[in-house]
Structures are given as C-alpha cells and as structure tokens.
Amino acid sequence: MRLYSTVFAGSWFDHVHGWCTHRDQFNILFIKYEDMIMDLRSVVKQMCKFLGKELDEEALDIVVKRASFNEMKKDPLANKEDLPEEFYNVKKGKFMRKGTIGDWKNTMTVAQSEVFDTIFQEKMGDLDIEFIWDNKEKA
C-alpha cells in the first residue's frame, strides 16, 4: 500500500533522490525553498556564482524583489493559476500559500507527520542532504 501520492511530475521523493544520487555526474546546484525564505539575497548570489554571472547591487535588488514569495504569488506564471484545471485545480487551494517554513504543522496531524517521517527515512535516509522542517531550525 502506498502511503504517499504522486504529484504533477511524479513522486517528490523519486525526483529529489534521483538528482541527489547523480550530483557527481552533473553540474547541479541544489537550492531549497527554506534557504530562499530565510535569505533570498544569499541564494541569488549563490546562483550567480554557480552560473558565472555577476550582478551589480541594483540588478541584485531587482532580482531579489521579483523572486520574493509575495511577488511570485502575484505572478500567474509562477503561482500556477494559468495551468489547465486537469493539472491543477485552484478551487482546491492555492499553489503558493503562505511562504513560511513549518506551516505543515498547521495541516498535518501528529499521526500523518509520523507516517511522513517513516516514509522520508525509507526513501531519503541514504542521502547526505539536510532539510529544514521548522522555523526553530534556522537559528
């Protein structure tokens, strides 16, 4: 019995695990949502370095502003409001909700969280990657 569902592009576990296990074969920069929420400017600088591009402070300010959660939430190309209903039904909820870390605690029950932890360990336990699940972890 499968205790997790697939999403539009397949299983999140399979997607992330596949890229992480091939990190040495490809030139991959891993960026996590939580990193962007905590310090978007640093992440943009990290991406620029990875791509071999330099931005002056003014251009960096523009990128950071436009890539902020609040700006992206307003953009139909970023917030998936333009997808056909068979791919994403906006009536069932927003693709971009709050832009916070740890809000899963307001949605998942303790039992659901425990099931997720078990599946996560089974699917991702062999990876050398850290995830931030809670605001308290960013200190």
Protein backbone atom coordinates (compact mmCIF):
# COMPACT_ATOMS: atom_id res chain seq x y z
CA MET A 1 0.00 0.00 0.00
CA ARG A 2 1.40 3.40 -0.98
CA LEU A 3 1.19 5.95 1.80
CA TYR A 4 2.21 8.92 -0.33
CA SER A 5 0.85 10.33 -3.52
CA THR A 6 2.46 11.41 -6.72
CA VAL A 7 2.25 14.97 -7.90
CA PHE A 8 2.07 16.53 -11.37
CA ALA A 9 5.59 15.44 -12.31
CA GLY A 10 5.72 12.25 -10.21
CA SER A 11 6.94 11.41 -6.73
CA TRP A 12 8.81 14.19 -4.93
CA PHE A 13 10.92 11.54 -3.21
CA ASP A 14 11.95 9.97 -6.52
CA HIS A 15 12.63 13.36 -8.09
CA VAL A 16 14.88 14.66 -5.31
CA HIS A 17 16.56 11.31 -4.69
CA GLY A 18 17.35 10.89 -8.38
CA TRP A 19 19.07 14.26 -8.66
CA CYS A 20 20.92 13.87 -5.35
CA THR A 21 22.33 10.49 -6.30
CA HIS A 22 23.66 11.92 -9.58
CA ARG A 23 25.19 15.08 -8.14
CA ASP A 24 28.72 13.92 -9.05
CA GLN A 25 27.77 13.19 -12.67
CA PHE A 26 26.27 16.58 -13.42
CA ASN A 27 26.95 20.18 -12.53
CA ILE A 28 23.99 20.67 -10.16
CA LEU A 29 23.24 23.46 -7.72
CA PHE A 30 20.80 22.38 -5.03
CA ILE A 31 18.65 25.18 -3.63
CA LYS A 32 15.96 24.56 -1.08
CA TYR A 33 12.80 26.57 -0.62
CA GLU A 34 13.62 27.16 3.03
CA ASP A 35 17.00 28.66 2.09
CA MET A 36 15.23 31.14 -0.19
CA ILE A 37 12.72 32.07 2.52
CA MET A 38 15.48 32.56 5.10
CA ASP A 39 17.91 34.55 2.91
CA LEU A 40 16.87 35.04 -0.71
CA ARG A 41 19.65 37.53 -1.43
CA SER A 42 22.34 34.98 -0.47
CA VAL A 43 20.67 32.33 -2.61
CA VAL A 44 20.58 34.66 -5.62
CA LYS A 45 24.27 35.42 -5.10
CA GLN A 46 24.96 31.68 -4.87
CA MET A 47 23.10 31.12 -8.15
CA CYS A 48 25.04 33.92 -9.84
CA LYS A 49 28.33 32.41 -8.73
CA PHE A 50 27.23 28.98 -9.94
CA LEU A 51 26.28 30.41 -13.33
CA GLY A 52 29.40 32.55 -13.58
CA LYS A 53 27.38 35.78 -13.73
CA GLU A 54 27.92 38.96 -11.78
CA LEU A 55 25.15 41.33 -10.87
CA ASP A 56 25.67 44.83 -9.56
CA GLU A 57 23.76 45.77 -6.40
CA GLU A 58 20.92 47.41 -8.33
CA ALA A 59 20.33 44.34 -10.52
CA LEU A 60 20.62 42.09 -7.48
CA ASP A 61 17.96 44.19 -5.71
CA ILE A 62 15.63 43.79 -8.69
CA VAL A 63 16.09 40.02 -8.89
CA VAL A 64 15.58 39.59 -5.15
CA LYS A 65 12.42 41.72 -5.21
CA ARG A 66 10.93 39.92 -8.21
CA ALA A 67 11.84 36.49 -6.83
CA SER A 68 10.36 37.17 -3.41
CA PHE A 69 7.48 34.98 -2.31
CA ASN A 70 5.00 37.86 -2.28
CA GLU A 71 5.91 38.98 -5.80
CA MET A 72 5.85 35.43 -7.18
CA LYS A 73 2.50 34.77 -5.53
CA LYS A 74 1.05 37.64 -7.59
CA ASP A 75 2.51 36.29 -10.85
CA PRO A 76 0.21 33.80 -12.65
CA LEU A 77 3.21 32.22 -14.39
CA ALA A 78 4.79 31.44 -11.03
CA ASN A 79 1.71 30.64 -8.97
CA LYS A 80 0.29 28.08 -11.42
CA GLU A 81 -3.04 29.87 -11.84
CA ASP A 82 -2.57 29.59 -15.60
CA LEU A 83 -2.38 25.77 -15.66
CA PRO A 84 -5.34 23.86 -17.11
CA GLU A 85 -7.69 22.56 -14.43
CA GLU A 86 -6.83 18.92 -15.22
CA PHE A 87 -3.28 19.65 -13.96
CA TYR A 88 -4.04 21.95 -11.07
CA ASN A 89 -7.43 22.88 -9.63
CA VAL A 90 -7.15 26.29 -7.95
CA LYS A 91 -10.57 25.70 -6.38
CA LYS A 92 -8.93 23.12 -4.11
CA GLY A 93 -6.36 25.56 -2.79
CA LYS A 94 -3.55 27.84 -3.78
CA PHE A 95 -0.28 26.51 -5.21
CA MET A 96 1.57 29.19 -3.27
CA ARG A 97 0.08 29.52 0.17
CA LYS A 98 1.92 31.40 2.94
CA GLY A 99 5.63 31.47 2.18
CA THR A 100 6.60 30.28 5.63
CA ILE A 101 8.67 27.45 7.00
CA GLY A 102 7.00 24.82 9.14
CA ASP A 103 3.38 25.54 8.23
CA TRP A 104 2.90 21.82 7.61
CA LYS A 105 2.29 21.59 11.38
CA ASN A 106 -0.97 23.50 10.86
CA THR A 107 -2.13 20.99 8.26
CA MET A 108 -0.77 17.58 9.20
CA THR A 109 -1.81 15.62 12.25
CA VAL A 110 0.80 14.06 14.52
CA ALA A 111 -0.05 10.66 13.01
CA GLN A 112 0.42 11.99 9.47
CA SER A 113 3.71 13.56 10.46
CA GLU A 114 4.91 10.25 11.89
CA VAL A 115 3.96 8.43 8.67
CA PHE A 116 5.80 11.07 6.64
CA ASP A 117 8.89 10.71 8.85
CA THR A 118 8.88 6.94 8.30
CA ILE A 119 8.50 7.25 4.53
CA PHE A 120 11.06 10.05 4.37
CA GLN A 121 13.62 7.94 6.21
CA GLU A 122 12.88 4.95 3.95
CA LYS A 123 13.13 6.95 0.73
CA MET A 124 15.72 9.60 1.60
CA GLY A 125 17.69 8.26 4.57
CA ASP A 126 20.71 7.36 2.45
CA LEU A 127 21.21 10.91 1.19
CA ASP A 128 23.64 13.47 2.53
CA ILE A 129 21.26 16.43 2.41
CA GLU A 130 19.71 18.40 5.23
CA PHE A 131 16.17 19.70 5.19
CA ILE A 132 14.74 22.38 7.44
CA TRP A 133 11.27 21.44 8.64
CA ASP A 134 10.65 24.13 11.21
CA ASN A 135 11.36 27.81 11.84
CA LYS A 136 13.24 26.87 15.01
CA GLU A 137 15.86 25.04 12.94
CA LYS A 138 17.06 28.16 11.14
CA ALA A 139 18.68 29.71 14.21
